[in-house]
Amino acid sequence: MAMKLINIGFGNMVSANKLVAIVSPDSAPIKRIIGDAKEKGSLIDATYGRRTRAVVVMESDHVILSALQPETVANRLNDDTDGEDEANE
């Protein structure tokens, strides 16, 4: 199976196969997850200085911040997987 990549904004890509969750950064538990990842050194900021709108949690416990809305990232995930399936047939 080919590795599927999702654009999370500004040309940054993450592996769709290793993605656990795409969530909004507004709740206290998510803010705690971001803080913990920062302390552990597993936080990746892909916002380019813009406001964080989505938090992407990976299988490896890396936490990635994106300036895109969670819905936008999720739609790109769905669009990419549909397009790759058709291209592989």
N, C-alpha and C. Protein backbone atom coordinates (compact mmCIF):
# COMPACT_ATOMS: atom_id res chain seq x y z
N MET A 1 0.85 -1.18 0.00
CA MET A 1 0.00 0.00 0.00
C MET A 1 0.89 1.24 0.00
N ALA A 2 0.56 2.20 -0.84
CA ALA A 2 1.33 3.43 -0.94
C ALA A 2 1.02 4.34 0.25
N MET A 3 2.01 5.12 0.66
CA MET A 3 1.78 6.05 1.75
C MET A 3 0.93 7.22 1.26
N LYS A 4 -0.16 7.49 1.97
CA LYS A 4 -1.03 8.60 1.61
C LYS A 4 -0.65 9.81 2.45
N LEU A 5 -0.46 10.94 1.79
CA LEU A 5 -0.10 12.17 2.48
C LEU A 5 -1.25 13.16 2.40
N ILE A 6 -1.46 13.90 3.49
CA ILE A 6 -2.50 14.93 3.53
C ILE A 6 -1.82 16.28 3.71
N ASN A 7 -2.23 17.24 2.91
CA ASN A 7 -1.73 18.61 3.03
C ASN A 7 -2.42 19.26 4.22
N ILE A 8 -1.63 19.69 5.22
CA ILE A 8 -2.21 20.35 6.40
C ILE A 8 -1.98 21.86 6.36
N GLY A 9 -1.64 22.36 5.18
CA GLY A 9 -1.46 23.79 4.99
C GLY A 9 -0.02 24.17 4.71
N PHE A 10 0.18 25.17 3.85
CA PHE A 10 1.49 25.71 3.49
C PHE A 10 2.42 24.64 2.92
N GLY A 11 1.85 23.65 2.25
CA GLY A 11 2.66 22.61 1.63
C GLY A 11 3.17 21.56 2.59
N ASN A 12 2.74 21.60 3.85
CA ASN A 12 3.15 20.60 4.83
C ASN A 12 2.26 19.37 4.72
N MET A 13 2.88 18.21 4.81
CA MET A 13 2.13 16.96 4.64
C MET A 13 2.31 16.05 5.85
N VAL A 14 1.27 15.28 6.15
CA VAL A 14 1.36 14.24 7.19
C VAL A 14 0.85 12.93 6.59
N SER A 15 1.31 11.84 7.16
CA SER A 15 0.91 10.52 6.68
C SER A 15 -0.50 10.20 7.17
N ALA A 16 -1.40 9.95 6.24
CA ALA A 16 -2.79 9.63 6.59
C ALA A 16 -2.86 8.31 7.35
N ASN A 17 -1.94 7.39 7.07
CA ASN A 17 -1.97 6.07 7.72
C ASN A 17 -1.61 6.14 9.19
N LYS A 18 -0.92 7.19 9.61
CA LYS A 18 -0.45 7.32 11.00
C LYS A 18 -1.29 8.31 11.80
N LEU A 19 -2.34 8.84 11.20
CA LEU A 19 -3.17 9.86 11.82
C LEU A 19 -4.16 9.22 12.79
N VAL A 20 -4.26 9.79 13.99
CA VAL A 20 -5.20 9.28 14.99
C VAL A 20 -6.44 10.18 15.07
N ALA A 21 -6.21 11.50 15.15
CA ALA A 21 -7.33 12.43 15.32
C ALA A 21 -7.01 13.80 14.76
N ILE A 22 -8.07 14.49 14.32
CA ILE A 22 -7.99 15.89 13.91
C ILE A 22 -9.01 16.62 14.77
N VAL A 23 -8.54 17.47 15.68
CA VAL A 23 -9.45 18.10 16.65
C VAL A 23 -9.24 19.61 16.71
N SER A 24 -10.23 20.29 17.27
CA SER A 24 -10.15 21.73 17.49
C SER A 24 -9.30 21.99 18.74
N PRO A 25 -8.53 23.08 18.75
CA PRO A 25 -7.63 23.35 19.88
C PRO A 25 -8.30 24.06 21.06
N ASP A 26 -9.61 24.23 21.03
CA ASP A 26 -10.28 25.10 22.00
C ASP A 26 -10.50 24.51 23.39
N SER A 27 -10.63 23.20 23.50
CA SER A 27 -10.96 22.62 24.81
C SER A 27 -9.74 22.50 25.71
N ALA A 28 -9.97 22.50 27.00
CA ALA A 28 -8.88 22.40 27.99
C ALA A 28 -8.08 21.10 27.83
N PRO A 29 -8.72 19.94 27.62
CA PRO A 29 -7.92 18.71 27.46
C PRO A 29 -6.98 18.75 26.25
N ILE A 30 -7.42 19.37 25.16
CA ILE A 30 -6.56 19.47 23.97
C ILE A 30 -5.42 20.44 24.25
N LYS A 31 -5.70 21.53 24.95
CA LYS A 31 -4.63 22.47 25.32
C LYS A 31 -3.60 21.77 26.20
N ARG A 32 -4.06 20.86 27.06
CA ARG A 32 -3.16 20.09 27.92
C ARG A 32 -2.30 19.14 27.07
N ILE A 33 -2.91 18.52 26.07
CA ILE A 33 -2.17 17.63 25.16
C ILE A 33 -1.09 18.42 24.43
N ILE A 34 -1.43 19.63 23.98
CA ILE A 34 -0.45 20.48 23.29
C ILE A 34 0.70 20.83 24.23
N GLY A 35 0.38 21.23 25.46
CA GLY A 35 1.40 21.57 26.44
C GLY A 35 2.31 20.40 26.77
N ASP A 36 1.72 19.21 26.93
CA ASP A 36 2.51 18.01 27.21
C ASP A 36 3.45 17.68 26.06
N ALA A 37 2.94 17.81 24.82
CA ALA A 37 3.76 17.52 23.64
C ALA A 37 4.91 18.51 23.54
N LYS A 38 4.65 19.77 23.89
CA LYS A 38 5.69 20.78 23.85
C LYS A 38 6.81 20.44 24.84
N GLU A 39 6.42 20.02 26.04
CA GLU A 39 7.40 19.63 27.06
C GLU A 39 8.23 18.44 26.62
N LYS A 40 7.58 17.46 25.98
CA LYS A 40 8.28 16.25 25.53
C LYS A 40 9.10 16.46 24.27
N GLY A 41 8.87 17.58 23.59
CA GLY A 41 9.57 17.83 22.34
C GLY A 41 8.94 17.14 21.15
N SER A 42 7.67 16.77 21.28
CA SER A 42 6.98 16.09 20.18
C SER A 42 5.90 16.96 19.54
N LEU A 43 5.99 18.28 19.76
CA LEU A 43 5.04 19.22 19.14
C LEU A 43 5.64 19.75 17.85
N ILE A 44 4.85 19.71 16.78
CA ILE A 44 5.29 20.25 15.50
C ILE A 44 4.33 21.38 15.13
N ASP A 45 4.86 22.59 15.03
CA ASP A 45 4.04 23.75 14.71
C ASP A 45 4.12 24.04 13.22
N ALA A 46 3.05 23.74 12.51
CA ALA A 46 3.00 23.96 11.06
C ALA A 46 2.05 25.11 10.72
N THR A 47 1.90 26.07 11.65
CA THR A 47 0.97 27.18 11.45
C THR A 47 1.60 28.38 10.75
N TYR A 48 2.94 28.41 10.67
CA TYR A 48 3.65 29.55 10.08
C TYR A 48 3.25 30.86 10.74
N GLY A 49 3.09 30.83 12.07
CA GLY A 49 2.78 32.04 12.83
C GLY A 49 1.31 32.41 12.86
N ARG A 50 0.49 31.66 12.18
CA ARG A 50 -0.94 31.97 12.18
C ARG A 50 -1.62 31.27 13.36
N ARG A 51 -2.88 31.59 13.55
CA ARG A 51 -3.65 31.02 14.65
C ARG A 51 -3.86 29.51 14.42
N THR A 52 -3.71 28.74 15.50
CA THR A 52 -3.93 27.29 15.42
C THR A 52 -5.43 27.02 15.35
N ARG A 53 -5.83 26.32 14.30
CA ARG A 53 -7.26 26.00 14.15
C ARG A 53 -7.52 24.50 14.21
N ALA A 54 -6.48 23.70 13.97
CA ALA A 54 -6.64 22.24 14.06
C ALA A 54 -5.41 21.66 14.73
N VAL A 55 -5.65 20.61 15.51
CA VAL A 55 -4.58 19.87 16.15
C VAL A 55 -4.66 18.45 15.61
N VAL A 56 -3.54 18.00 15.02
CA VAL A 56 -3.49 16.67 14.43
C VAL A 56 -2.66 15.78 15.36
N VAL A 57 -3.28 14.71 15.84
CA VAL A 57 -2.60 13.78 16.74
C VAL A 57 -2.20 12.55 15.93
N MET A 58 -0.92 12.17 16.04
CA MET A 58 -0.38 11.06 15.27
C MET A 58 -0.17 9.83 16.16
N GLU A 59 -0.06 8.65 15.54
CA GLU A 59 0.20 7.40 16.26
C GLU A 59 1.47 7.47 17.10
N SER A 60 2.46 8.21 16.62
CA SER A 60 3.76 8.30 17.29
C SER A 60 3.73 9.25 18.48
N ASP A 61 2.56 9.73 18.87
CA ASP A 61 2.38 10.72 19.95
C ASP A 61 2.87 12.10 19.57
N HIS A 62 3.20 12.33 18.30
CA HIS A 62 3.50 13.68 17.85
C HIS A 62 2.19 14.44 17.73
N VAL A 63 2.24 15.72 18.06
CA VAL A 63 1.07 16.58 17.96
C VAL A 63 1.45 17.69 16.99
N ILE A 64 0.62 17.87 15.95
CA ILE A 64 0.92 18.83 14.90
C ILE A 64 -0.15 19.91 14.91
N LEU A 65 0.30 21.17 14.91
CA LEU A 65 -0.61 22.30 14.88
C LEU A 65 -0.76 22.78 13.44
N SER A 66 -2.00 23.02 13.03
CA SER A 66 -2.28 23.48 11.67
C SER A 66 -3.14 24.73 11.72
N ALA A 67 -2.96 25.61 10.74
CA ALA A 67 -3.77 26.82 10.64
C ALA A 67 -5.08 26.57 9.89
N LEU A 68 -5.27 25.36 9.37
CA LEU A 68 -6.50 25.02 8.67
C LEU A 68 -7.57 24.56 9.66
N GLN A 69 -8.82 24.71 9.27
CA GLN A 69 -9.92 24.20 10.08
C GLN A 69 -9.89 22.68 10.10
N PRO A 70 -10.30 22.03 11.21
CA PRO A 70 -10.34 20.56 11.24
C PRO A 70 -11.14 19.96 10.08
N GLU A 71 -12.25 20.61 9.72
CA GLU A 71 -13.09 20.11 8.63
C GLU A 71 -12.33 20.12 7.31
N THR A 72 -11.52 21.16 7.10
CA THR A 72 -10.75 21.28 5.87
C THR A 72 -9.73 20.14 5.76
N VAL A 73 -9.04 19.87 6.87
CA VAL A 73 -8.06 18.78 6.88
C VAL A 73 -8.76 17.45 6.64
N ALA A 74 -9.90 17.24 7.30
CA ALA A 74 -10.66 16.00 7.14
C ALA A 74 -11.15 15.83 5.70
N ASN A 75 -11.61 16.93 5.09
CA ASN A 75 -12.06 16.87 3.70
C ASN A 75 -10.91 16.52 2.77
N ARG A 76 -9.73 17.06 3.04
CA ARG A 76 -8.56 16.73 2.22
C ARG A 76 -8.19 15.26 2.38
N LEU A 77 -8.35 14.74 3.57
CA LEU A 77 -8.09 13.31 3.81
C LEU A 77 -9.05 12.47 2.97
N ASN A 78 -10.33 12.81 3.01
CA ASN A 78 -11.32 12.07 2.23
C ASN A 78 -11.11 12.22 0.74
N ASP A 79 -10.79 13.44 0.28
CA ASP A 79 -10.56 13.68 -1.14
C ASP A 79 -9.34 12.93 -1.63
N ASP A 80 -8.25 12.96 -0.84
CA ASP A 80 -7.01 12.29 -1.24
C ASP A 80 -7.20 10.79 -1.34
N THR A 81 -7.87 10.18 -0.37
CA THR A 81 -8.02 8.72 -0.39
C THR A 81 -8.91 8.29 -1.54
N ASP A 82 -9.96 9.08 -1.83
CA ASP A 82 -10.82 8.74 -2.97
C ASP A 82 -10.04 8.81 -4.28
N GLY A 83 -9.28 9.88 -4.46
CA GLY A 83 -8.52 10.08 -5.69
C GLY A 83 -7.44 9.03 -5.88
N GLU A 84 -6.77 8.63 -4.80
CA GLU A 84 -5.69 7.65 -4.93
C GLU A 84 -6.26 6.27 -5.24
N ASP A 85 -7.41 5.94 -4.66
CA ASP A 85 -8.00 4.64 -4.94
C ASP A 85 -8.35 4.52 -6.41
N GLU A 86 -8.91 5.60 -6.97
CA GLU A 86 -9.28 5.57 -8.38
C GLU A 86 -8.04 5.51 -9.28
N ALA A 87 -6.98 6.20 -8.87
CA ALA A 87 -5.77 6.24 -9.68
C ALA A 87 -5.04 4.89 -9.70
N ASN A 88 -5.24 4.11 -8.64
CA ASN A 88 -4.55 2.82 -8.53
C ASN A 88 -5.27 1.69 -9.24
N GLU A 89 -6.49 1.94 -9.70
CA GLU A 89 -7.26 0.86 -10.33
C GLU A 89 -6.82 0.62 -11.77
